[in-house]
């Protein structure tokens, strides 16, 4: 029998899955096109899905500033999103921030060598801050997630962001526990 916390995680994962699906549908329909616009649509959908506390889980998200100059958080951190999840129950108090770099590489399109080099650099910057760092790949059919550790360690861009480098089978089905980062990831 699942605990209340497990039920809350499951509910949160399903809410996130619906939000991701809706954001990717906007992309597929051509209503958002550029990577930063897709990120904005995704954050908006996720914020709406988590507007109310789910069980004992509190959620917040932020788009890191990507402009030039001293306010360029993305350039410093390597991430363009920050998700924060906190849990406070009588049995558990937990707070975790997750850094995410997003890319828009559709099925059948290869990442350039220069693009891969830039992504590895972004992953290295995120990993210098936290091991809870990931890459989201926006595709018209879905969104995929990969550990920044796995991407940073890849010698080339061949096969990146495809099923064999996902966080696992459940990455597209609502919930994943990433052992390395010791955090739940809600795709």
Protein backbone atom coordinates (compact mmCIF):
# COMPACT_ATOMS: atom_id res chain seq x y z
CA UNK A 1 0.00 0.00 0.00
CA UNK A 2 1.57 3.31 -1.06
CA UNK A 3 2.27 5.97 1.56
CA UNK A 4 0.73 9.44 1.41
CA UNK A 5 4.09 10.76 0.24
CA UNK A 6 4.27 8.16 -2.55
CA UNK A 7 0.73 9.10 -3.58
CA UNK A 8 1.68 12.79 -3.56
CA UNK A 9 4.75 12.08 -5.72
CA UNK A 10 2.63 10.07 -8.12
CA UNK A 11 0.01 12.85 -8.31
CA UNK A 12 2.74 15.47 -8.82
CA UNK A 13 4.40 13.38 -11.53
CA UNK A 14 1.12 12.95 -13.39
CA UNK A 15 0.35 16.68 -13.10
CA UNK A 16 3.82 17.47 -14.47
CA UNK A 17 3.37 14.94 -17.27
CA UNK A 18 0.11 16.63 -18.33
CA UNK A 19 1.79 20.06 -18.19
CA UNK A 20 4.72 18.85 -20.31
CA UNK A 21 2.31 17.29 -22.81
CA UNK A 22 0.36 20.54 -23.11
CA UNK A 23 3.53 22.62 -23.58
CA UNK A 24 4.90 20.24 -26.23
CA UNK A 25 1.51 20.33 -27.99
CA UNK A 26 1.80 24.13 -28.21
CA UNK A 27 5.20 23.60 -29.84
CA UNK A 28 3.85 20.92 -32.20
CA UNK A 29 0.98 23.23 -33.19
CA UNK A 30 3.43 26.05 -34.00
CA UNK A 31 2.10 28.32 -31.25
CA UNK A 32 5.57 28.55 -29.70
CA UNK A 33 8.67 28.03 -31.81
CA UNK A 34 11.90 29.18 -30.21
CA UNK A 35 13.56 27.35 -27.33
CA UNK A 36 13.13 30.19 -24.82
CA UNK A 37 9.45 30.53 -25.74
CA UNK A 38 8.91 26.79 -25.27
CA UNK A 39 10.65 27.08 -21.89
CA UNK A 40 8.28 29.90 -20.93
CA UNK A 41 5.26 27.84 -22.00
CA UNK A 42 6.57 24.85 -20.03
CA UNK A 43 7.22 26.87 -16.86
CA UNK A 44 3.79 28.47 -17.16
CA UNK A 45 2.08 25.09 -17.50
CA UNK A 46 4.10 23.60 -14.63
CA UNK A 47 3.42 26.59 -12.38
CA UNK A 48 -0.28 26.28 -13.14
CA UNK A 49 -0.24 22.53 -12.45
CA UNK A 50 1.52 23.11 -9.13
CA UNK A 51 -0.35 26.27 -8.16
CA UNK A 52 -1.78 24.36 -5.25
CA UNK A 53 0.24 22.19 -2.91
CA UNK A 54 0.03 18.51 -3.87
CA UNK A 55 0.08 16.45 -0.68
CA UNK A 56 3.08 17.70 1.28
CA UNK A 57 4.98 18.80 -1.84
CA UNK A 58 5.62 22.48 -2.53
CA UNK A 59 6.90 23.46 -5.96
CA UNK A 60 8.46 26.55 -7.43
CA UNK A 61 10.19 27.25 -10.70
CA UNK A 62 12.13 30.03 -12.30
CA UNK A 63 13.49 30.87 -15.72
CA UNK A 64 17.05 32.09 -15.28
CA UNK A 65 17.81 35.37 -17.00
CA UNK A 66 19.47 34.81 -20.35
CA UNK A 67 20.20 38.36 -21.39
CA UNK A 68 23.70 39.73 -21.84
CA UNK A 69 25.66 41.53 -19.15
CA UNK A 70 25.75 41.26 -15.37
CA UNK A 71 22.21 39.87 -15.19
CA UNK A 72 23.01 36.89 -17.42
CA UNK A 73 22.30 34.06 -14.97
CA UNK A 74 22.11 31.41 -17.70
CA UNK A 75 25.65 32.16 -18.87
CA UNK A 76 27.02 31.84 -15.32
CA UNK A 77 25.04 28.77 -14.21
CA UNK A 78 24.76 26.96 -17.54
CA UNK A 79 21.05 26.47 -16.88
CA UNK A 80 18.00 28.21 -18.16
CA UNK A 81 15.57 26.78 -15.59
CA UNK A 82 15.58 26.17 -11.87
CA UNK A 83 13.00 23.91 -10.25
CA UNK A 84 12.66 23.71 -6.50
CA UNK A 85 10.77 20.99 -4.68
CA UNK A 86 10.28 20.97 -0.93
CA UNK A 87 8.57 18.43 1.26
CA UNK A 88 7.70 18.84 4.90
CA UNK A 89 6.00 15.99 6.73
CA UNK A 90 6.33 14.67 10.27
CA UNK A 91 8.62 11.96 8.88
CA UNK A 92 10.59 13.92 6.28
CA UNK A 93 11.86 17.41 5.56
CA UNK A 94 13.38 17.72 2.12
CA UNK A 95 14.39 20.59 -0.13
CA UNK A 96 16.04 20.18 -3.52
CA UNK A 97 16.86 22.52 -6.34
CA UNK A 98 17.30 21.13 -9.83
CA UNK A 99 19.08 22.98 -12.65
CA UNK A 100 17.96 22.38 -16.22
CA UNK A 101 19.35 23.37 -19.60
CA UNK A 102 16.82 23.04 -22.40
CA UNK A 103 17.41 22.30 -26.05
CA UNK A 104 15.13 22.06 -29.06
CA UNK A 105 16.36 19.22 -31.25
CA UNK A 106 13.63 17.37 -33.11
CA UNK A 107 13.58 13.71 -34.13
CA UNK A 108 15.89 13.01 -37.02
CA UNK A 109 17.92 16.19 -36.48
CA UNK A 110 21.51 15.83 -35.30
CA UNK A 111 23.13 18.23 -32.88
CA UNK A 112 26.09 20.01 -34.42
CA UNK A 113 29.57 19.47 -33.02
CA UNK A 114 29.66 23.13 -31.92
CA UNK A 115 26.22 22.75 -30.32
CA UNK A 116 27.37 19.66 -28.46
CA UNK A 117 30.51 21.43 -27.24
CA UNK A 118 28.38 24.33 -25.96
CA UNK A 119 25.98 21.91 -24.23
CA UNK A 120 28.85 20.05 -22.54
CA UNK A 121 30.15 23.41 -21.26
CA UNK A 122 26.68 24.29 -19.95
CA UNK A 123 26.42 20.88 -18.26
CA UNK A 124 29.84 21.36 -16.65
CA UNK A 125 28.74 24.74 -15.24
CA UNK A 126 25.54 23.25 -13.82
CA UNK A 127 27.40 20.27 -12.35
CA UNK A 128 29.81 22.66 -10.60
CA UNK A 129 26.74 23.92 -8.72
CA UNK A 130 24.80 20.68 -8.16
CA UNK A 131 24.73 17.09 -9.33
CA UNK A 132 20.96 17.57 -9.69
CA UNK A 133 21.42 18.96 -13.19
CA UNK A 134 19.57 17.84 -16.28
CA UNK A 135 18.96 18.57 -19.93
CA UNK A 136 15.44 18.73 -21.36
CA UNK A 137 15.10 18.19 -25.09
CA UNK A 138 11.97 19.69 -26.62
CA UNK A 139 10.57 17.74 -29.54
CA UNK A 140 7.26 18.16 -31.30
CA UNK A 141 6.31 14.64 -30.27
CA UNK A 142 7.50 14.75 -26.64
CA UNK A 143 10.07 16.09 -24.20
CA UNK A 144 12.99 13.93 -23.14
CA UNK A 145 15.22 14.25 -20.08
CA UNK A 146 18.84 13.28 -19.57
CA UNK A 147 21.30 13.68 -16.74
CA UNK A 148 23.82 16.48 -17.28
CA UNK A 149 26.46 14.07 -15.95
CA UNK A 150 25.78 11.67 -18.80
CA UNK A 151 25.85 14.43 -21.42
CA UNK A 152 29.01 16.05 -19.99
CA UNK A 153 30.76 12.68 -20.18
CA UNK A 154 29.76 11.99 -23.79
CA UNK A 155 32.54 12.33 -26.33
CA UNK A 156 30.18 13.21 -29.18
CA UNK A 157 26.60 14.19 -29.82
CA UNK A 158 25.61 10.94 -31.51
CA UNK A 159 22.53 9.51 -29.82
CA UNK A 160 22.24 12.17 -27.14
CA UNK A 161 18.74 12.71 -25.82
CA UNK A 162 17.38 9.48 -27.22
CA UNK A 163 15.85 6.57 -25.28
CA UNK A 164 19.12 4.81 -24.48
CA UNK A 165 20.36 7.96 -22.72
CA UNK A 166 17.11 8.84 -20.98
CA UNK A 167 16.72 8.68 -17.23
CA UNK A 168 14.81 5.47 -17.84
CA UNK A 169 11.68 3.88 -19.22
CA UNK A 170 9.46 5.84 -16.85
CA UNK A 171 10.84 9.21 -17.97
CA UNK A 172 7.93 9.55 -20.35
CA UNK A 173 5.41 7.95 -18.00
CA UNK A 174 5.26 10.30 -15.07
CA UNK A 175 7.99 9.65 -12.54
CA UNK A 176 11.66 8.88 -12.27
CA UNK A 177 13.99 8.60 -9.31
CA UNK A 178 17.50 9.51 -10.35
CA UNK A 179 19.80 7.55 -8.04
CA UNK A 180 22.85 9.67 -8.83
CA UNK A 181 21.21 12.97 -7.97
CA UNK A 182 19.05 11.43 -5.21
CA UNK A 183 16.07 13.35 -6.46
CA UNK A 184 12.76 12.72 -8.13
CA UNK A 185 12.53 14.07 -11.62
CA UNK A 186 9.15 15.00 -13.00
CA UNK A 187 9.36 15.06 -16.78
